[in-house]
Amino acid sequence: MSAPRARKRPPTADRHRYDSAYVVVALAVPGGGPDDVAPPLVFRVQRRPQGGQR
């Protein structure tokens, strides 16, 4: 059985992947069928800096 290891920080090149997330929202079209949706709305959410002013 191997000993547990601490999680390593991602390399600098990959760090940007963890700084933001994308939220996609699809809304139903009024009067449309069950599969009719409006074009998706995409929001980008960024993490707040740690330890700074809010």
PDB file of N, CA and C in Angstrom:
ATOM      1  N   MET A   1       0.841  -1.176   0.000  1.00  0.00           N
ATOM      2  CA  MET A   1       0.000   0.000   0.000  1.00  0.00           C
ATOM      3  C   MET A   1       0.886   1.240   0.000  1.00  0.00           C
ATOM      4  N   SER A   2       0.578   2.184  -0.860  1.00  0.00           N
ATOM      5  CA  SER A   2       1.421   3.373  -0.954  1.00  0.00           C
ATOM      6  C   SER A   2       0.967   4.447   0.034  1.00  0.00           C
ATOM      7  N   ALA A   3       1.902   5.288   0.410  1.00  0.00           N
ATOM      8  CA  ALA A   3       1.600   6.379   1.340  1.00  0.00           C
ATOM      9  C   ALA A   3       0.862   7.492   0.599  1.00  0.00           C
ATOM     10  N   PRO A   4      -0.087   8.165   1.258  1.00  0.00           N
ATOM     11  CA  PRO A   4      -0.795   9.268   0.595  1.00  0.00           C
ATOM     12  C   PRO A   4       0.151  10.424   0.296  1.00  0.00           C
ATOM     13  N   ARG A   5      -0.080  11.095  -0.804  1.00  0.00           N
ATOM     14  CA  ARG A   5       0.770  12.216  -1.203  1.00  0.00           C
ATOM     15  C   ARG A   5      -0.037  13.501  -1.186  1.00  0.00           C
ATOM     16  N   ALA A   6       0.643  14.579  -0.886  1.00  0.00           N
ATOM     17  CA  ALA A   6      -0.010  15.890  -0.927  1.00  0.00           C
ATOM     18  C   ALA A   6      -0.278  16.262  -2.379  1.00  0.00           C
ATOM     19  N   ARG A   7      -1.375  16.949  -2.595  1.00  0.00           N
ATOM     20  CA  ARG A   7      -1.715  17.365  -3.962  1.00  0.00           C
ATOM     21  C   ARG A   7      -0.763  18.458  -4.415  1.00  0.00           C
ATOM     22  N   LYS A   8      -0.171  18.272  -5.579  1.00  0.00           N
ATOM     23  CA  LYS A   8       0.776  19.251  -6.110  1.00  0.00           C
ATOM     24  C   LYS A   8       0.029  20.392  -6.782  1.00  0.00           C
ATOM     25  N   ARG A   9       0.611  21.577  -6.766  1.00  0.00           N
ATOM     26  CA  ARG A   9       0.041  22.715  -7.484  1.00  0.00           C
ATOM     27  C   ARG A   9       0.226  22.487  -8.979  1.00  0.00           C
ATOM     28  N   PRO A  10      -0.728  22.964  -9.782  1.00  0.00           N
ATOM     29  CA  PRO A  10      -0.587  22.769 -11.232  1.00  0.00           C
ATOM     30  C   PRO A  10       0.583  23.571 -11.779  1.00  0.00           C
ATOM     31  N   PRO A  11       1.174  23.116 -12.873  1.00  0.00           N
ATOM     32  CA  PRO A  11       2.256  23.886 -13.494  1.00  0.00           C
ATOM     33  C   PRO A  11       1.751  25.270 -13.903  1.00  0.00           C
ATOM     34  N   THR A  12       2.653  26.221 -14.021  1.00  0.00           N
ATOM     35  CA  THR A  12       2.283  27.598 -14.350  1.00  0.00           C
ATOM     36  C   THR A  12       1.477  27.674 -15.639  1.00  0.00           C
ATOM     37  N   ALA A  13       1.808  26.882 -16.629  1.00  0.00           N
ATOM     38  CA  ALA A  13       1.101  26.926 -17.912  1.00  0.00           C
ATOM     39  C   ALA A  13      -0.363  26.518 -17.769  1.00  0.00           C
ATOM     40  N   ASP A  14      -0.671  25.652 -16.817  1.00  0.00           N
ATOM     41  CA  ASP A  14      -2.041  25.170 -16.635  1.00  0.00           C
ATOM     42  C   ASP A  14      -2.816  25.948 -15.575  1.00  0.00           C
ATOM     43  N   ARG A  15      -2.173  26.860 -14.880  1.00  0.00           N
ATOM     44  CA  ARG A  15      -2.816  27.531 -13.753  1.00  0.00           C
ATOM     45  C   ARG A  15      -4.037  28.344 -14.179  1.00  0.00           C
ATOM     46  N   HIS A  16      -4.028  28.907 -15.404  1.00  0.00           N
ATOM     47  CA  HIS A  16      -5.154  29.722 -15.847  1.00  0.00           C
ATOM     48  C   HIS A  16      -6.448  28.922 -15.928  1.00  0.00           C
ATOM     49  N   ARG A  17      -6.356  27.618 -16.076  1.00  0.00           N
ATOM     50  CA  ARG A  17      -7.572  26.803 -16.176  1.00  0.00           C
ATOM     51  C   ARG A  17      -8.371  26.815 -14.885  1.00  0.00           C
ATOM     52  N   TYR A  18      -7.739  27.104 -13.769  1.00  0.00           N
ATOM     53  CA  TYR A  18      -8.408  27.052 -12.484  1.00  0.00           C
ATOM     54  C   TYR A  18      -8.852  28.432 -12.003  1.00  0.00           C
ATOM     55  N   ASP A  19      -8.610  29.479 -12.784  1.00  0.00           N
ATOM     56  CA  ASP A  19      -8.935  30.836 -12.363  1.00  0.00           C
ATOM     57  C   ASP A  19     -10.323  31.285 -12.787  1.00  0.00           C
ATOM     58  N   SER A  20     -10.948  30.585 -13.705  1.00  0.00           N
ATOM     59  CA  SER A  20     -12.267  31.015 -14.165  1.00  0.00           C
ATOM     60  C   SER A  20     -13.123  29.806 -14.509  1.00  0.00           C
ATOM     61  N   ALA A  21     -14.416  30.038 -14.544  1.00  0.00           N
ATOM     62  CA  ALA A  21     -15.370  29.000 -14.922  1.00  0.00           C
ATOM     63  C   ALA A  21     -16.407  29.628 -15.832  1.00  0.00           C
ATOM     64  N   TYR A  22     -17.018  28.824 -16.641  1.00  0.00           N
ATOM     65  CA  TYR A  22     -18.064  29.305 -17.537  1.00  0.00           C
ATOM     66  C   TYR A  22     -19.393  28.688 -17.124  1.00  0.00           C
ATOM     67  N   VAL A  23     -20.431  29.525 -17.062  1.00  0.00           N
ATOM     68  CA  VAL A  23     -21.774  29.075 -16.725  1.00  0.00           C
ATOM     69  C   VAL A  23     -22.635  29.280 -17.963  1.00  0.00           C
ATOM     70  N   VAL A  24     -23.299  28.234 -18.408  1.00  0.00           N
ATOM     71  CA  VAL A  24     -24.149  28.316 -19.600  1.00  0.00           C
ATOM     72  C   VAL A  24     -25.598  28.154 -19.159  1.00  0.00           C
ATOM     73  N   VAL A  25     -26.454  29.091 -19.609  1.00  0.00           N
ATOM     74  CA  VAL A  25     -27.866  29.076 -19.243  1.00  0.00           C
ATOM     75  C   VAL A  25     -28.692  29.009 -20.520  1.00  0.00           C
ATOM     76  N   ALA A  26     -29.600  28.063 -20.603  1.00  0.00           N
ATOM     77  CA  ALA A  26     -30.520  27.967 -21.740  1.00  0.00           C
ATOM     78  C   ALA A  26     -31.934  28.217 -21.224  1.00  0.00           C
ATOM     79  N   LEU A  27     -32.672  29.110 -21.883  1.00  0.00           N
ATOM     80  CA  LEU A  27     -34.028  29.461 -21.470  1.00  0.00           C
ATOM     81  C   LEU A  27     -35.030  28.913 -22.475  1.00  0.00           C
ATOM     82  N   ALA A  28     -36.155  28.424 -21.961  1.00  0.00           N
ATOM     83  CA  ALA A  28     -37.208  27.913 -22.838  1.00  0.00           C
ATOM     84  C   ALA A  28     -37.853  29.065 -23.599  1.00  0.00           C
ATOM     85  N   VAL A  29     -38.250  28.801 -24.840  1.00  0.00           N
ATOM     86  CA  VAL A  29     -38.923  29.801 -25.663  1.00  0.00           C
ATOM     87  C   VAL A  29     -40.405  29.787 -25.302  1.00  0.00           C
ATOM     88  N   PRO A  30     -40.972  30.946 -24.911  1.00  0.00           N
ATOM     89  CA  PRO A  30     -42.408  30.967 -24.571  1.00  0.00           C
ATOM     90  C   PRO A  30     -43.252  30.515 -25.765  1.00  0.00           C
ATOM     91  N   GLY A  31     -44.169  29.610 -25.527  1.00  0.00           N
ATOM     92  CA  GLY A  31     -45.037  29.112 -26.584  1.00  0.00           C
ATOM     93  C   GLY A  31     -44.382  28.071 -27.470  1.00  0.00           C
ATOM     94  N   GLY A  32     -43.149  27.731 -27.206  1.00  0.00           N
ATOM     95  CA  GLY A  32     -42.447  26.737 -28.017  1.00  0.00           C
ATOM     96  C   GLY A  32     -42.671  25.340 -27.483  1.00  0.00           C
ATOM     97  N   GLY A  33     -42.133  24.380 -28.183  1.00  0.00           N
ATOM     98  CA  GLY A  33     -42.234  22.990 -27.750  1.00  0.00           C
ATOM     99  C   GLY A  33     -41.272  22.713 -26.606  1.00  0.00           C
ATOM    100  N   PRO A  34     -41.298  21.490 -26.081  1.00  0.00           N
ATOM    101  CA  PRO A  34     -40.439  21.163 -24.930  1.00  0.00           C
ATOM    102  C   PRO A  34     -38.943  21.220 -25.244  1.00  0.00           C
ATOM    103  N   ASP A  35     -38.578  21.102 -26.513  1.00  0.00           N
ATOM    104  CA  ASP A  35     -37.163  21.127 -26.885  1.00  0.00           C
ATOM    105  C   ASP A  35     -36.718  22.463 -27.471  1.00  0.00           C
ATOM    106  N   ASP A  36     -37.615  23.444 -27.539  1.00  0.00           N
ATOM    107  CA  ASP A  36     -37.268  24.755 -28.094  1.00  0.00           C
ATOM    108  C   ASP A  36     -36.633  25.620 -27.012  1.00  0.00           C
ATOM    109  N   VAL A  37     -35.400  26.017 -27.229  1.00  0.00           N
ATOM    110  CA  VAL A  37     -34.714  26.884 -26.273  1.00  0.00           C
ATOM    111  C   VAL A  37     -34.091  28.055 -27.018  1.00  0.00           C
ATOM    112  N   ALA A  38     -33.914  29.151 -26.305  1.00  0.00           N
ATOM    113  CA  ALA A  38     -33.252  30.326 -26.866  1.00  0.00           C
ATOM    114  C   ALA A  38     -31.754  30.031 -26.967  1.00  0.00           C
ATOM    115  N   PRO A  39     -31.017  30.815 -27.763  1.00  0.00           N
ATOM    116  CA  PRO A  39     -29.562  30.630 -27.797  1.00  0.00           C
ATOM    117  C   PRO A  39     -28.991  30.735 -26.379  1.00  0.00           C
ATOM    118  N   PRO A  40     -28.000  29.919 -26.055  1.00  0.00           N
ATOM    119  CA  PRO A  40     -27.481  29.915 -24.683  1.00  0.00           C
ATOM    120  C   PRO A  40     -26.807  31.226 -24.300  1.00  0.00           C
ATOM    121  N   LEU A  41     -26.954  31.588 -23.041  1.00  0.00           N
ATOM    122  CA  LEU A  41     -26.256  32.734 -22.465  1.00  0.00           C
ATOM    123  C   LEU A  41     -25.028  32.187 -21.759  1.00  0.00           C
ATOM    124  N   VAL A  42     -23.874  32.763 -22.012  1.00  0.00           N
ATOM    125  CA  VAL A  42     -22.628  32.272 -21.421  1.00  0.00           C
ATOM    126  C   VAL A  42     -22.046  33.357 -20.530  1.00  0.00           C
ATOM    127  N   PHE A  43     -21.785  33.008 -19.292  1.00  0.00           N
ATOM    128  CA  PHE A  43     -21.186  33.925 -18.331  1.00  0.00           C
ATOM    129  C   PHE A  43     -19.832  33.376 -17.911  1.00  0.00           C
ATOM    130  N   ARG A  44     -18.836  34.252 -17.827  1.00  0.00           N
ATOM    131  CA  ARG A  44     -17.522  33.847 -17.332  1.00  0.00           C
ATOM    132  C   ARG A  44     -17.404  34.333 -15.895  1.00  0.00           C
ATOM    133  N   VAL A  45     -17.074  33.430 -15.008  1.00  0.00           N
ATOM    134  CA  VAL A  45     -16.947  33.737 -13.585  1.00  0.00           C
ATOM    135  C   VAL A  45     -15.483  33.602 -13.213  1.00  0.00           C
ATOM    136  N   GLN A  46     -14.915  34.655 -12.607  1.00  0.00           N
ATOM    137  CA  GLN A  46     -13.514  34.607 -12.187  1.00  0.00           C
ATOM    138  C   GLN A  46     -13.436  34.555 -10.670  1.00  0.00           C
ATOM    139  N   ARG A  47     -12.427  33.860 -10.187  1.00  0.00           N
ATOM    140  CA  ARG A  47     -12.206  33.779  -8.743  1.00  0.00           C
ATOM    141  C   ARG A  47     -11.771  35.122  -8.204  1.00  0.00           C
ATOM    142  N   ARG A  48     -12.136  35.393  -6.974  1.00  0.00           N
ATOM    143  CA  ARG A  48     -11.682  36.613  -6.305  1.00  0.00           C
ATOM    144  C   ARG A  48     -10.255  36.413  -5.819  1.00  0.00           C
ATOM    145  N   PRO A  49      -9.453  37.480  -5.828  1.00  0.00           N
ATOM    146  CA  PRO A  49      -8.094  37.360  -5.276  1.00  0.00           C
ATOM    147  C   PRO A  49      -8.164  37.016  -3.787  1.00  0.00           C
ATOM    148  N   GLN A  50      -7.288  36.166  -3.350  1.00  0.00           N
ATOM    149  CA  GLN A  50      -7.259  35.761  -1.947  1.00  0.00           C
ATOM    150  C   GLN A  50      -6.560  36.803  -1.091  1.00  0.00           C
ATOM    151  N   GLY A  51      -7.153  37.152   0.032  1.00  0.00           N
ATOM    152  CA  GLY A  51      -6.501  38.028   1.000  1.00  0.00           C
ATOM    153  C   GLY A  51      -6.559  39.507   0.681  1.00  0.00           C
ATOM    154  N   GLY A  52      -7.109  39.903  -0.436  1.00  0.00           N
ATOM    155  CA  GLY A  52      -7.184  41.320  -0.799  1.00  0.00           C
ATOM    156  C   GLY A  52      -8.480  41.948  -0.334  1.00  0.00           C
ATOM    157  N   GLN A  53      -8.672  43.197  -0.735  1.00  0.00           N
ATOM    158  CA  GLN A  53      -9.919  43.867  -0.421  1.00  0.00           C
ATOM    159  C   GLN A  53     -11.034  43.274  -1.245  1.00  0.00           C
ATOM    160  N   ARG A  54     -12.235  43.309  -0.706  1.00  0.00           N
ATOM    161  CA  ARG A  54     -13.387  42.763  -1.427  1.00  0.00           C
ATOM    162  C   ARG A  54     -14.133  43.826  -2.144  1.00  0.00           C
TER     163      ARG A  54
END
